[in-house]
Amino acid sequence: MELRHLRYFVTVVEEQSITKAAEKLCIAQPPLSRQIQKLEEELGILLFERGTRPVRTTEAGRFFYQHAVQILTHTAQATSMAQRISSVDQTVKIGYVSSLLYALLPQIIYLFRQRNPDIQVELIECGTHQQVAALKQGKIDLGFGRLRISDPSIKRMLLRKERLKLAVHKQHHLAQYMESGIYLAQIVDESIFSYPTTPKPNFATAVQSIFTELGLVPKKLIEVREIHMAMGLVSSGEGICLIPESASDIGMKNLVYIPILDLEAYSPISLSVRNMDQSSYIPKILDCIQEVFKDEQIDVRIDV
């Protein structure tokens, strides 16, 4: 059995189609079908139910899929680590969600660079959900994100629970709550801008889940491309939007920011790494995080 056979099988399972899998793998459909059949013959089991559209795995196929993913993940991790060890010039690829550029991520990266001049740092914008696959494939080594993710191959360390604020025009009727704060139940009838339009789950779905957790249903959620567009529209008097507290430093005109009183109204900031990664740069980046948080008088919490 070769690793490419496992990749073929995993791709067919995830795409639920031989045709789509062949396109993704850049091979012709007939050879892919033959390779899957050879794999079944070698294993002595049926991996897929015959004649189903979309393609469905058998019970044995589902079991084999879970272990095939682990094998491929561990192989990618081992390859990435071996290449890093043999490399004289070490490069750490850091994935991040764009909103963290308004938080403390730039200070953390700058301090890490100053302390580790022998390590090259490459920053790659990457949604939290996409960071899981990127870590498994070795495209990034660290991932700073905002969503609650769960994957057996990924270790997620919660760094901070950043409070959310409500951005409104300074003449909006809700601006009266700028000092006292506001509950989300008070805004369900408003036009609320939701962002971004990147593949879900994303920040928009995280905000929606907060409303759901509180038993609330906003009547008018308007999806826009990204946070700057949402805040620009709010500045024009079009509606309101929820933002991470750090994003209030963007400094857009005509806006005021209202504290949200619901305890559930926060955005988790986390660091994700490969579960078996013991690289020396991980404790180094954690040290930088702790120092920057301490300087900013933010409670340091690193929960695995």
C-alpha atoms as a PDB file:
ATOM      1  CA  MET A   1       0.000   0.000   0.000  1.00  0.00           C
ATOM      2  CA  GLU A   2       1.367   3.411  -0.974  1.00  0.00           C
ATOM      3  CA  LEU A   3       0.639   6.805   0.515  1.00  0.00           C
ATOM      4  CA  ARG A   4      -0.766   7.983  -2.812  1.00  0.00           C
ATOM      5  CA  HIS A   5      -3.436   5.276  -2.564  1.00  0.00           C
ATOM      6  CA  LEU A   6      -4.484   6.674   0.812  1.00  0.00           C
ATOM      7  CA  ARG A   7      -4.569  10.201  -0.650  1.00  0.00           C
ATOM      8  CA  TYR A   8      -6.741   8.979  -3.522  1.00  0.00           C
ATOM      9  CA  PHE A   9      -9.130   7.246  -1.123  1.00  0.00           C
ATOM     10  CA  VAL A  10      -9.379  10.205   1.284  1.00  0.00           C
ATOM     11  CA  THR A  11     -10.019  12.633  -1.577  1.00  0.00           C
ATOM     12  CA  VAL A  12     -12.835  10.478  -2.994  1.00  0.00           C
ATOM     13  CA  VAL A  13     -14.448  10.275   0.449  1.00  0.00           C
ATOM     14  CA  GLU A  14     -14.221  14.032   1.019  1.00  0.00           C
ATOM     15  CA  GLU A  15     -15.389  14.981  -2.472  1.00  0.00           C
ATOM     16  CA  GLN A  16     -18.117  12.263  -2.493  1.00  0.00           C
ATOM     17  CA  SER A  17     -17.434  11.869  -6.204  1.00  0.00           C
ATOM     18  CA  ILE A  18     -14.870  10.027  -8.312  1.00  0.00           C
ATOM     19  CA  THR A  19     -15.122  12.744 -10.961  1.00  0.00           C
ATOM     20  CA  LYS A  20     -14.535  15.641  -8.559  1.00  0.00           C
ATOM     21  CA  ALA A  21     -11.748  13.744  -6.803  1.00  0.00           C
ATOM     22  CA  ALA A  22     -10.014  13.091 -10.133  1.00  0.00           C
ATOM     23  CA  GLU A  23     -10.194  16.795 -10.981  1.00  0.00           C
ATOM     24  CA  LYS A  24      -8.774  17.776  -7.584  1.00  0.00           C
ATOM     25  CA  LEU A  25      -5.971  15.206  -7.886  1.00  0.00           C
ATOM     26  CA  CYS A  26      -5.283  16.216 -11.514  1.00  0.00           C
ATOM     27  CA  ILE A  27      -5.563  12.648 -12.797  1.00  0.00           C
ATOM     28  CA  ALA A  28      -7.997  10.950 -15.154  1.00  0.00           C
ATOM     29  CA  GLN A  29     -11.089   9.289 -13.723  1.00  0.00           C
ATOM     30  CA  PRO A  30     -10.495   5.692 -15.002  1.00  0.00           C
ATOM     31  CA  PRO A  31      -7.013   5.353 -13.429  1.00  0.00           C
ATOM     32  CA  LEU A  32      -8.389   6.720 -10.147  1.00  0.00           C
ATOM     33  CA  SER A  33     -11.204   4.168 -10.169  1.00  0.00           C
ATOM     34  CA  ARG A  34      -8.690   1.380 -10.824  1.00  0.00           C
ATOM     35  CA  GLN A  35      -6.470   2.514  -7.947  1.00  0.00           C
ATOM     36  CA  ILE A  36      -9.453   2.505  -5.576  1.00  0.00           C
ATOM     37  CA  GLN A  37     -10.387  -1.000  -6.735  1.00  0.00           C
ATOM     38  CA  LYS A  38      -6.786  -2.191  -6.203  1.00  0.00           C
ATOM     39  CA  LEU A  39      -6.859  -0.739  -2.698  1.00  0.00           C
ATOM     40  CA  GLU A  40     -10.084  -2.603  -1.932  1.00  0.00           C
ATOM     41  CA  GLU A  41      -8.568  -5.823  -3.290  1.00  0.00           C
ATOM     42  CA  GLU A  42      -5.441  -5.355  -1.197  1.00  0.00           C
ATOM     43  CA  LEU A  43      -7.481  -4.734   1.942  1.00  0.00           C
ATOM     44  CA  GLY A  44     -10.009  -7.441   1.117  1.00  0.00           C
ATOM     45  CA  ILE A  45     -12.977  -5.160   1.896  1.00  0.00           C
ATOM     46  CA  LEU A  46     -15.412  -2.862   0.112  1.00  0.00           C
ATOM     47  CA  LEU A  47     -14.675   0.755   0.919  1.00  0.00           C
ATOM     48  CA  PHE A  48     -17.577   2.269  -1.038  1.00  0.00           C
ATOM     49  CA  GLU A  49     -21.179   1.284  -1.570  1.00  0.00           C
ATOM     50  CA  ARG A  50     -21.751   0.395  -5.200  1.00  0.00           C
ATOM     51  CA  GLY A  51     -24.101   2.427  -7.397  1.00  0.00           C
ATOM     52  CA  THR A  52     -24.669   5.339  -4.980  1.00  0.00           C
ATOM     53  CA  ARG A  53     -24.657   9.009  -5.924  1.00  0.00           C
ATOM     54  CA  PRO A  54     -23.070  10.833  -4.204  1.00  0.00           C
ATOM     55  CA  VAL A  55     -20.425   8.240  -3.394  1.00  0.00           C
ATOM     56  CA  ARG A  56     -20.925   6.793   0.080  1.00  0.00           C
ATOM     57  CA  THR A  57     -18.473   4.802   2.184  1.00  0.00           C
ATOM     58  CA  THR A  58     -19.290   1.476   3.800  1.00  0.00           C
ATOM     59  CA  GLU A  59     -19.000   1.116   7.563  1.00  0.00           C
ATOM     60  CA  ALA A  60     -15.547  -0.431   7.052  1.00  0.00           C
ATOM     61  CA  GLY A  61     -14.688   2.429   4.685  1.00  0.00           C
ATOM     62  CA  ARG A  62     -15.585   5.042   7.295  1.00  0.00           C
ATOM     63  CA  PHE A  63     -13.364   3.308   9.831  1.00  0.00           C
ATOM     64  CA  PHE A  64     -10.496   3.088   7.335  1.00  0.00           C
ATOM     65  CA  TYR A  65     -10.958   6.755   6.370  1.00  0.00           C
ATOM     66  CA  GLN A  66     -10.369   7.944   9.951  1.00  0.00           C
ATOM     67  CA  HIS A  67      -7.086   6.049  10.159  1.00  0.00           C
ATOM     68  CA  ALA A  68      -6.023   7.017   6.629  1.00  0.00           C
ATOM     69  CA  VAL A  69      -6.406  10.714   7.552  1.00  0.00           C
ATOM     70  CA  GLN A  70      -4.286  10.176  10.664  1.00  0.00           C
ATOM     71  CA  ILE A  71      -1.566   8.412   8.663  1.00  0.00           C
ATOM     72  CA  LEU A  72      -1.429  11.188   6.069  1.00  0.00           C
ATOM     73  CA  THR A  73      -1.435  13.859   8.783  1.00  0.00           C
ATOM     74  CA  HIS A  74       1.364  12.198  10.718  1.00  0.00           C
ATOM     75  CA  THR A  75       3.360  11.732   7.516  1.00  0.00           C
ATOM     76  CA  ALA A  76       2.980  15.420   6.625  1.00  0.00           C
ATOM     77  CA  GLN A  77       4.003  16.409  10.140  1.00  0.00           C
ATOM     78  CA  ALA A  78       7.046  14.120  10.101  1.00  0.00           C
ATOM     79  CA  THR A  79       8.094  15.400   6.670  1.00  0.00           C
ATOM     80  CA  SER A  80       7.677  19.014   7.724  1.00  0.00           C
ATOM     81  CA  MET A  81       9.629  18.492  10.934  1.00  0.00           C
ATOM     82  CA  ALA A  82      12.438  16.582   9.209  1.00  0.00           C
ATOM     83  CA  GLN A  83      12.799  19.310   6.582  1.00  0.00           C
ATOM     84  CA  ARG A  84      12.875  21.964   9.273  1.00  0.00           C
ATOM     85  CA  ILE A  85      15.531  20.156  11.293  1.00  0.00           C
ATOM     86  CA  SER A  86      17.748  19.716   8.237  1.00  0.00           C
ATOM     87  CA  SER A  87      17.358  23.341   7.193  1.00  0.00           C
ATOM     88  CA  VAL A  88      20.021  25.843   8.228  1.00  0.00           C
ATOM     89  CA  ASP A  89      17.694  28.829   7.798  1.00  0.00           C
ATOM     90  CA  GLN A  90      14.559  28.074   9.777  1.00  0.00           C
ATOM     91  CA  THR A  91      11.287  29.565   8.576  1.00  0.00           C
ATOM     92  CA  VAL A  92       8.121  29.672  10.670  1.00  0.00           C
ATOM     93  CA  LYS A  93       4.908  30.204   8.716  1.00  0.00           C
ATOM     94  CA  ILE A  94       2.230  31.879  10.802  1.00  0.00           C
ATOM     95  CA  GLY A  95      -1.411  31.878   9.740  1.00  0.00           C
ATOM     96  CA  TYR A  96      -3.660  34.631  11.069  1.00  0.00           C
ATOM     97  CA  VAL A  97      -7.145  36.080  10.686  1.00  0.00           C
ATOM     98  CA  SER A  98      -7.076  39.699   9.539  1.00  0.00           C
ATOM     99  CA  SER A  99      -8.987  41.135  12.513  1.00  0.00           C
ATOM    100  CA  LEU A 100      -6.110  40.136  14.810  1.00  0.00           C
ATOM    101  CA  LEU A 101      -3.968  42.805  13.152  1.00  0.00           C
ATOM    102  CA  TYR A 102      -5.983  45.271  15.247  1.00  0.00           C
ATOM    103  CA  ALA A 103      -5.320  43.273  18.408  1.00  0.00           C
ATOM    104  CA  LEU A 104      -1.880  42.439  19.803  1.00  0.00           C
ATOM    105  CA  LEU A 105      -0.647  40.121  17.054  1.00  0.00           C
ATOM    106  CA  PRO A 106       1.689  42.704  15.415  1.00  0.00           C
ATOM    107  CA  GLN A 107       3.419  43.351  18.770  1.00  0.00           C
ATOM    108  CA  ILE A 108       3.770  39.603  19.379  1.00  0.00           C
ATOM    109  CA  ILE A 109       5.279  38.949  15.943  1.00  0.00           C
ATOM    110  CA  TYR A 110       7.631  41.929  16.218  1.00  0.00           C
ATOM    111  CA  LEU A 111       8.905  40.784  19.623  1.00  0.00           C
ATOM    112  CA  PHE A 112       9.332  37.220  18.330  1.00  0.00           C
ATOM    113  CA  ARG A 113      11.410  38.520  15.403  1.00  0.00           C
ATOM    114  CA  GLN A 114      13.587  40.659  17.674  1.00  0.00           C
ATOM    115  CA  ARG A 115      14.300  37.772  20.005  1.00  0.00           C
ATOM    116  CA  ASN A 116      14.852  35.193  17.259  1.00  0.00           C
ATOM    117  CA  PRO A 117      16.767  36.865  14.402  1.00  0.00           C
ATOM    118  CA  ASP A 118      17.844  33.437  13.106  1.00  0.00           C
ATOM    119  CA  ILE A 119      14.218  32.481  12.403  1.00  0.00           C
ATOM    120  CA  GLN A 120      12.508  33.744   9.258  1.00  0.00           C
ATOM    121  CA  VAL A 121       8.828  34.601   9.811  1.00  0.00           C
ATOM    122  CA  GLU A 122       6.276  34.368   7.011  1.00  0.00           C
ATOM    123  CA  LEU A 123       2.779  35.716   7.705  1.00  0.00           C
ATOM    124  CA  ILE A 124      -0.113  34.125   5.817  1.00  0.00           C
ATOM    125  CA  GLU A 125      -3.688  35.417   6.055  1.00  0.00           C
ATOM    126  CA  CYS A 126      -5.841  32.374   6.676  1.00  0.00           C
ATOM    127  CA  GLY A 127      -9.301  31.922   8.237  1.00  0.00           C
ATOM    128  CA  THR A 128      -9.457  29.921  11.459  1.00  0.00           C
ATOM    129  CA  HIS A 129     -11.297  27.027   9.827  1.00  0.00           C
ATOM    130  CA  GLN A 130      -8.831  26.920   6.918  1.00  0.00           C
ATOM    131  CA  GLN A 131      -5.917  26.894   9.374  1.00  0.00           C
ATOM    132  CA  VAL A 132      -6.764  23.299  10.355  1.00  0.00           C
ATOM    133  CA  ALA A 133      -6.077  21.962   6.849  1.00  0.00           C
ATOM    134  CA  ALA A 134      -3.106  24.314   6.416  1.00  0.00           C
ATOM    135  CA  LEU A 135      -1.497  22.983   9.601  1.00  0.00           C
ATOM    136  CA  LYS A 136      -2.051  19.373   8.557  1.00  0.00           C
ATOM    137  CA  GLN A 137      -0.576  20.013   5.117  1.00  0.00           C
ATOM    138  CA  GLY A 138       2.441  21.894   6.479  1.00  0.00           C
ATOM    139  CA  LYS A 139       1.426  25.149   4.769  1.00  0.00           C
ATOM    140  CA  ILE A 140       1.562  26.940   8.126  1.00  0.00           C
ATOM    141  CA  ASP A 141       3.246  26.073  11.430  1.00  0.00           C
ATOM    142  CA  LEU A 142       1.204  28.238  13.801  1.00  0.00           C
ATOM    143  CA  GLY A 143      -2.316  29.594  13.498  1.00  0.00           C
ATOM    144  CA  PHE A 144      -3.808  32.590  15.311  1.00  0.00           C
ATOM    145  CA  GLY A 145      -7.603  32.516  15.041  1.00  0.00           C
ATOM    146  CA  ARG A 146     -10.915  33.360  16.634  1.00  0.00           C
ATOM    147  CA  LEU A 147     -13.183  30.319  16.222  1.00  0.00           C
ATOM    148  CA  ARG A 148     -13.712  27.366  18.514  1.00  0.00           C
ATOM    149  CA  ILE A 149     -12.291  24.489  16.483  1.00  0.00           C
ATOM    150  CA  SER A 150     -11.916  20.839  17.375  1.00  0.00           C
ATOM    151  CA  ASP A 151      -9.703  18.369  15.547  1.00  0.00           C
ATOM    152  CA  PRO A 152      -7.722  15.439  16.982  1.00  0.00           C
ATOM    153  CA  SER A 153      -4.646  16.440  14.961  1.00  0.00           C
ATOM    154  CA  ILE A 154      -4.636  20.036  16.190  1.00  0.00           C
ATOM    155  CA  LYS A 155      -3.842  21.445  19.628  1.00  0.00           C
ATOM    156  CA  ARG A 156      -5.694  24.681  20.324  1.00  0.00           C
ATOM    157  CA  MET A 157      -4.526  26.983  23.116  1.00  0.00           C
ATOM    158  CA  LEU A 158      -7.005  29.609  24.264  1.00  0.00           C
ATOM    159  CA  LEU A 159      -5.109  32.849  24.834  1.00  0.00           C
ATOM    160  CA  ARG A 160      -7.830  35.340  25.602  1.00  0.00           C
ATOM    161  CA  LYS A 161     -11.568  35.994  25.511  1.00  0.00           C
ATOM    162  CA  GLU A 162     -11.829  39.371  23.788  1.00  0.00           C
ATOM    163  CA  ARG A 163     -15.011  41.271  24.542  1.00  0.00           C
ATOM    164  CA  LEU A 164     -17.248  42.395  21.690  1.00  0.00           C
ATOM    165  CA  LYS A 165     -18.516  45.934  21.273  1.00  0.00           C
ATOM    166  CA  LEU A 166     -21.360  47.443  19.295  1.00  0.00           C
ATOM    167  CA  ALA A 167     -20.370  50.019  16.669  1.00  0.00           C
ATOM    168  CA  VAL A 168     -23.041  52.642  15.925  1.00  0.00           C
ATOM    169  CA  HIS A 169     -23.175  56.094  14.345  1.00  0.00           C
ATOM    170  CA  LYS A 170     -22.703  58.820  16.945  1.00  0.00           C
ATOM    171  CA  GLN A 171     -26.206  60.139  16.121  1.00  0.00           C
ATOM    172  CA  HIS A 172     -27.857  56.685  16.280  1.00  0.00           C
ATOM    173  CA  HIS A 173     -30.520  56.318  18.952  1.00  0.00           C
ATOM    174  CA  LEU A 174     -28.498  53.517  20.585  1.00  0.00           C
ATOM    175  CA  ALA A 175     -25.562  55.883  21.181  1.00  0.00           C
ATOM    176  CA  GLN A 176     -27.247  56.858  24.472  1.00  0.00           C
ATOM    177  CA  TYR A 177     -25.983  53.519  25.885  1.00  0.00           C
ATOM    178  CA  MET A 178     -22.321  54.320  25.255  1.00  0.00           C
ATOM    179  CA  GLU A 179     -21.606  54.721  28.987  1.00  0.00           C
ATOM    180  CA  SER A 180     -24.078  52.252  30.495  1.00  0.00           C
ATOM    181  CA  GLY A 181     -23.670  49.431  27.976  1.00  0.00           C
ATOM    182  CA  ILE A 182     -26.304  47.405  26.163  1.00  0.00           C
ATOM    183  CA  TYR A 183     -27.689  43.863  25.984  1.00  0.00           C
ATOM    184  CA  LEU A 184     -27.994  42.028  22.666  1.00  0.00           C
ATOM    185  CA  ALA A 185     -31.712  41.593  23.320  1.00  0.00           C
ATOM    186  CA  GLN A 186     -32.041  45.347  22.796  1.00  0.00           C
ATOM    187  CA  ILE A 187     -30.709  45.258  19.207  1.00  0.00           C
ATOM    188  CA  VAL A 188     -32.548  42.318  17.571  1.00  0.00           C
ATOM    189  CA  ASP A 189     -34.827  44.708  15.654  1.00  0.00           C
ATOM    190  CA  GLU A 190     -31.924  46.707  14.210  1.00  0.00           C
ATOM    191  CA  SER A 191     -30.175  46.284  10.856  1.00  0.00           C
ATOM    192  CA  ILE A 192     -26.996  44.455  11.827  1.00  0.00           C
ATOM    193  CA  PHE A 193     -24.061  44.094   9.445  1.00  0.00           C
ATOM    194  CA  SER A 194     -22.487  40.642   9.535  1.00  0.00           C
ATOM    195  CA  TYR A 195     -19.036  39.831   8.158  1.00  0.00           C
ATOM    196  CA  PRO A 196     -16.972  38.406   6.506  1.00  0.00           C
ATOM    197  CA  THR A 197     -18.208  36.537   3.434  1.00  0.00           C
ATOM    198  CA  THR A 198     -15.367  34.003   3.623  1.00  0.00           C
ATOM    199  CA  PRO A 199     -16.258  30.284   3.761  1.00  0.00           C
ATOM    200  CA  LYS A 200     -18.114  29.382   6.942  1.00  0.00           C
ATOM    201  CA  PRO A 201     -17.634  28.896   9.815  1.00  0.00           C
ATOM    202  CA  ASN A 202     -16.273  32.408  10.306  1.00  0.00           C
ATOM    203  CA  PHE A 203     -16.753  35.453  12.554  1.00  0.00           C
ATOM    204  CA  ALA A 204     -20.288  35.930  11.240  1.00  0.00           C
ATOM    205  CA  THR A 205     -21.325  32.432  12.299  1.00  0.00           C
ATOM    206  CA  ALA A 206     -19.622  32.926  15.678  1.00  0.00           C
ATOM    207  CA  VAL A 207     -21.718  36.054  16.284  1.00  0.00           C
ATOM    208  CA  GLN A 208     -24.850  34.242  15.136  1.00  0.00           C
ATOM    209  CA  SER A 209     -24.126  31.451  17.613  1.00  0.00           C
ATOM    210  CA  ILE A 210     -23.971  34.004  20.458  1.00  0.00           C
ATOM    211  CA  PHE A 211     -27.454  35.226  19.591  1.00  0.00           C
ATOM    212  CA  THR A 212     -28.655  31.614  19.391  1.00  0.00           C
ATOM    213  CA  GLU A 213     -27.071  30.778  22.752  1.00  0.00           C
ATOM    214  CA  LEU A 214     -29.044  33.651  24.268  1.00  0.00           C
ATOM    215  CA  GLY A 215     -32.264  32.507  22.565  1.00  0.00           C
ATOM    216  CA  LEU A 216     -32.328  35.590  20.331  1.00  0.00           C
ATOM    217  CA  VAL A 217     -33.161  35.886  16.625  1.00  0.00           C
ATOM    218  CA  PRO A 218     -31.955  39.082  14.892  1.00  0.00           C
ATOM    219  CA  LYS A 219     -34.578  40.203  12.376  1.00  0.00           C
ATOM    220  CA  LYS A 220     -32.215  41.750   9.847  1.00  0.00           C
ATOM    221  CA  LEU A 221     -28.667  40.444   9.429  1.00  0.00           C
ATOM    222  CA  ILE A 222     -26.924  41.926   6.384  1.00  0.00           C
ATOM    223  CA  GLU A 223     -23.812  40.087   5.193  1.00  0.00           C
ATOM    224  CA  VAL A 224     -20.929  42.192   3.835  1.00  0.00           C
ATOM    225  CA  ARG A 225     -17.449  41.309   2.618  1.00  0.00           C
ATOM    226  CA  GLU A 226     -15.270  42.386   5.544  1.00  0.00           C
ATOM    227  CA  ILE A 227     -15.057  44.478   8.723  1.00  0.00           C
ATOM    228  CA  HIS A 228     -13.990  47.752   7.040  1.00  0.00           C
ATOM    229  CA  MET A 229     -17.041  47.670   4.791  1.00  0.00           C
ATOM    230  CA  ALA A 230     -19.321  46.949   7.759  1.00  0.00           C
ATOM    231  CA  MET A 231     -17.908  49.835   9.767  1.00  0.00           C
ATOM    232  CA  GLY A 232     -17.967  52.150   6.762  1.00  0.00           C
ATOM    233  CA  LEU A 233     -21.668  51.448   6.265  1.00  0.00           C
ATOM    234  CA  VAL A 234     -22.317  52.035   9.968  1.00  0.00           C
ATOM    235  CA  SER A 235     -20.426  55.327   9.691  1.00  0.00           C
ATOM    236  CA  SER A 236     -22.834  56.234   6.879  1.00  0.00           C
ATOM    237  CA  GLY A 237     -25.817  55.646   9.157  1.00  0.00           C
ATOM    238  CA  GLU A 238     -26.923  52.427   7.449  1.00  0.00           C
ATOM    239  CA  GLY A 239     -27.051  50.166  10.508  1.00  0.00           C
ATOM    240  CA  ILE A 240     -24.930  48.742  13.331  1.00  0.00           C
ATOM    241  CA  CYS A 241     -22.342  45.974  13.712  1.00  0.00           C
ATOM    242  CA  LEU A 242     -20.608  43.887  16.354  1.00  0.00           C
ATOM    243  CA  ILE A 243     -16.819  44.075  16.405  1.00  0.00           C
ATOM    244  CA  PRO A 244     -13.975  42.752  18.574  1.00  0.00           C
ATOM    245  CA  GLU A 245     -13.003  45.383  21.118  1.00  0.00           C
ATOM    246  CA  SER A 246      -9.559  45.877  19.537  1.00  0.00           C
ATOM    247  CA  ALA A 247     -11.139  46.834  16.193  1.00  0.00           C
ATOM    248  CA  SER A 248     -12.413  50.073  17.739  1.00  0.00           C
ATOM    249  CA  ASP A 249      -8.856  51.358  17.217  1.00  0.00           C
ATOM    250  CA  ILE A 250      -9.480  51.461  13.458  1.00  0.00           C
ATOM    251  CA  GLY A 251     -10.579  55.042  14.086  1.00  0.00           C
ATOM    252  CA  MET A 252     -13.349  55.446  11.526  1.00  0.00           C
ATOM    253  CA  LYS A 253     -15.169  58.772  11.738  1.00  0.00           C
ATOM    254  CA  ASN A 254     -18.647  59.273  13.237  1.00  0.00           C
ATOM    255  CA  LEU A 255     -18.582  56.001  15.170  1.00  0.00           C
ATOM    256  CA  VAL A 256     -19.018  55.315  18.855  1.00  0.00           C
ATOM    257  CA  TYR A 257     -18.562  51.967  20.561  1.00  0.00           C
ATOM    258  CA  ILE A 258     -20.950  50.538  23.128  1.00  0.00           C
ATOM    259  CA  PRO A 259     -19.968  47.842  25.646  1.00  0.00           C
ATOM    260  CA  ILE A 260     -22.075  44.691  25.358  1.00  0.00           C
ATOM    261  CA  LEU A 261     -23.195  43.467  28.776  1.00  0.00           C
ATOM    262  CA  ASP A 262     -23.974  39.830  27.930  1.00  0.00           C
ATOM    263  CA  LEU A 263     -21.242  37.570  29.337  1.00  0.00           C
ATOM    264  CA  GLU A 264     -21.473  35.409  26.216  1.00  0.00           C
ATOM    265  CA  ALA A 265     -20.493  38.330  23.955  1.00  0.00           C
ATOM    266  CA  TYR A 266     -16.818  37.608  23.435  1.00  0.00           C
ATOM    267  CA  SER A 267     -14.507  36.363  20.695  1.00  0.00           C
ATOM    268  CA  PRO A 268     -11.963  33.706  21.692  1.00  0.00           C
ATOM    269  CA  ILE A 269      -8.396  34.315  20.509  1.00  0.00           C
ATOM    270  CA  SER A 270      -6.451  31.076  20.197  1.00  0.00           C
ATOM    271  CA  LEU A 271      -3.150  29.683  18.987  1.00  0.00           C
ATOM    272  CA  SER A 272      -3.281  26.390  17.082  1.00  0.00           C
ATOM    273  CA  VAL A 273      -0.384  24.014  16.396  1.00  0.00           C
ATOM    274  CA  ARG A 274       0.002  20.436  15.176  1.00  0.00           C
ATOM    275  CA  ASN A 275      -0.802  18.100  18.037  1.00  0.00           C
ATOM    276  CA  MET A 276       2.539  16.277  17.995  1.00  0.00           C
ATOM    277  CA  ASP A 277       4.702  19.281  17.140  1.00  0.00           C
ATOM    278  CA  GLN A 278       7.506  19.732  19.692  1.00  0.00           C
ATOM    279  CA  SER A 279       9.313  22.508  17.797  1.00  0.00           C
ATOM    280  CA  SER A 280      11.379  24.944  19.852  1.00  0.00           C
ATOM    281  CA  TYR A 281       9.639  27.983  18.344  1.00  0.00           C
ATOM    282  CA  ILE A 282       6.353  27.123  20.086  1.00  0.00           C
ATOM    283  CA  PRO A 283       7.480  27.935  23.661  1.00  0.00           C
ATOM    284  CA  LYS A 284       9.303  30.965  22.221  1.00  0.00           C
ATOM    285  CA  ILE A 285       6.107  32.388  20.695  1.00  0.00           C
ATOM    286  CA  LEU A 286       4.209  31.610  23.923  1.00  0.00           C
ATOM    287  CA  ASP A 287       6.813  33.582  25.903  1.00  0.00           C
ATOM    288  CA  CYS A 288       6.306  36.548  23.563  1.00  0.00           C
ATOM    289  CA  ILE A 289       2.524  36.318  23.946  1.00  0.00           C
ATOM    290  CA  GLN A 290       2.795  36.333  27.729  1.00  0.00           C
ATOM    291  CA  GLU A 291       5.128  39.325  27.747  1.00  0.00           C
ATOM    292  CA  VAL A 292       2.987  41.410  25.390  1.00  0.00           C
ATOM    293  CA  PHE A 293      -0.175  40.576  27.348  1.00  0.00           C
ATOM    294  CA  LYS A 294       1.561  41.497  30.608  1.00  0.00           C
ATOM    295  CA  ASP A 295       2.753  44.824  29.167  1.00  0.00           C
ATOM    296  CA  GLU A 296      -0.812  45.578  28.079  1.00  0.00           C
ATOM    297  CA  GLN A 297      -2.109  44.586  31.540  1.00  0.00           C
ATOM    298  CA  ILE A 298      -4.191  41.776  30.077  1.00  0.00           C
ATOM    299  CA  ASP A 299      -4.681  38.609  32.089  1.00  0.00           C
ATOM    300  CA  VAL A 300      -2.457  35.910  30.658  1.00  0.00           C
ATOM    301  CA  ARG A 301      -4.284  32.628  30.127  1.00  0.00           C
ATOM    302  CA  ILE A 302      -3.007  29.826  27.981  1.00  0.00           C
ATOM    303  CA  ASP A 303      -5.471  26.932  28.195  1.00  0.00           C
ATOM    304  CA  VAL A 304      -4.813  23.834  26.130  1.00  0.00           C
END
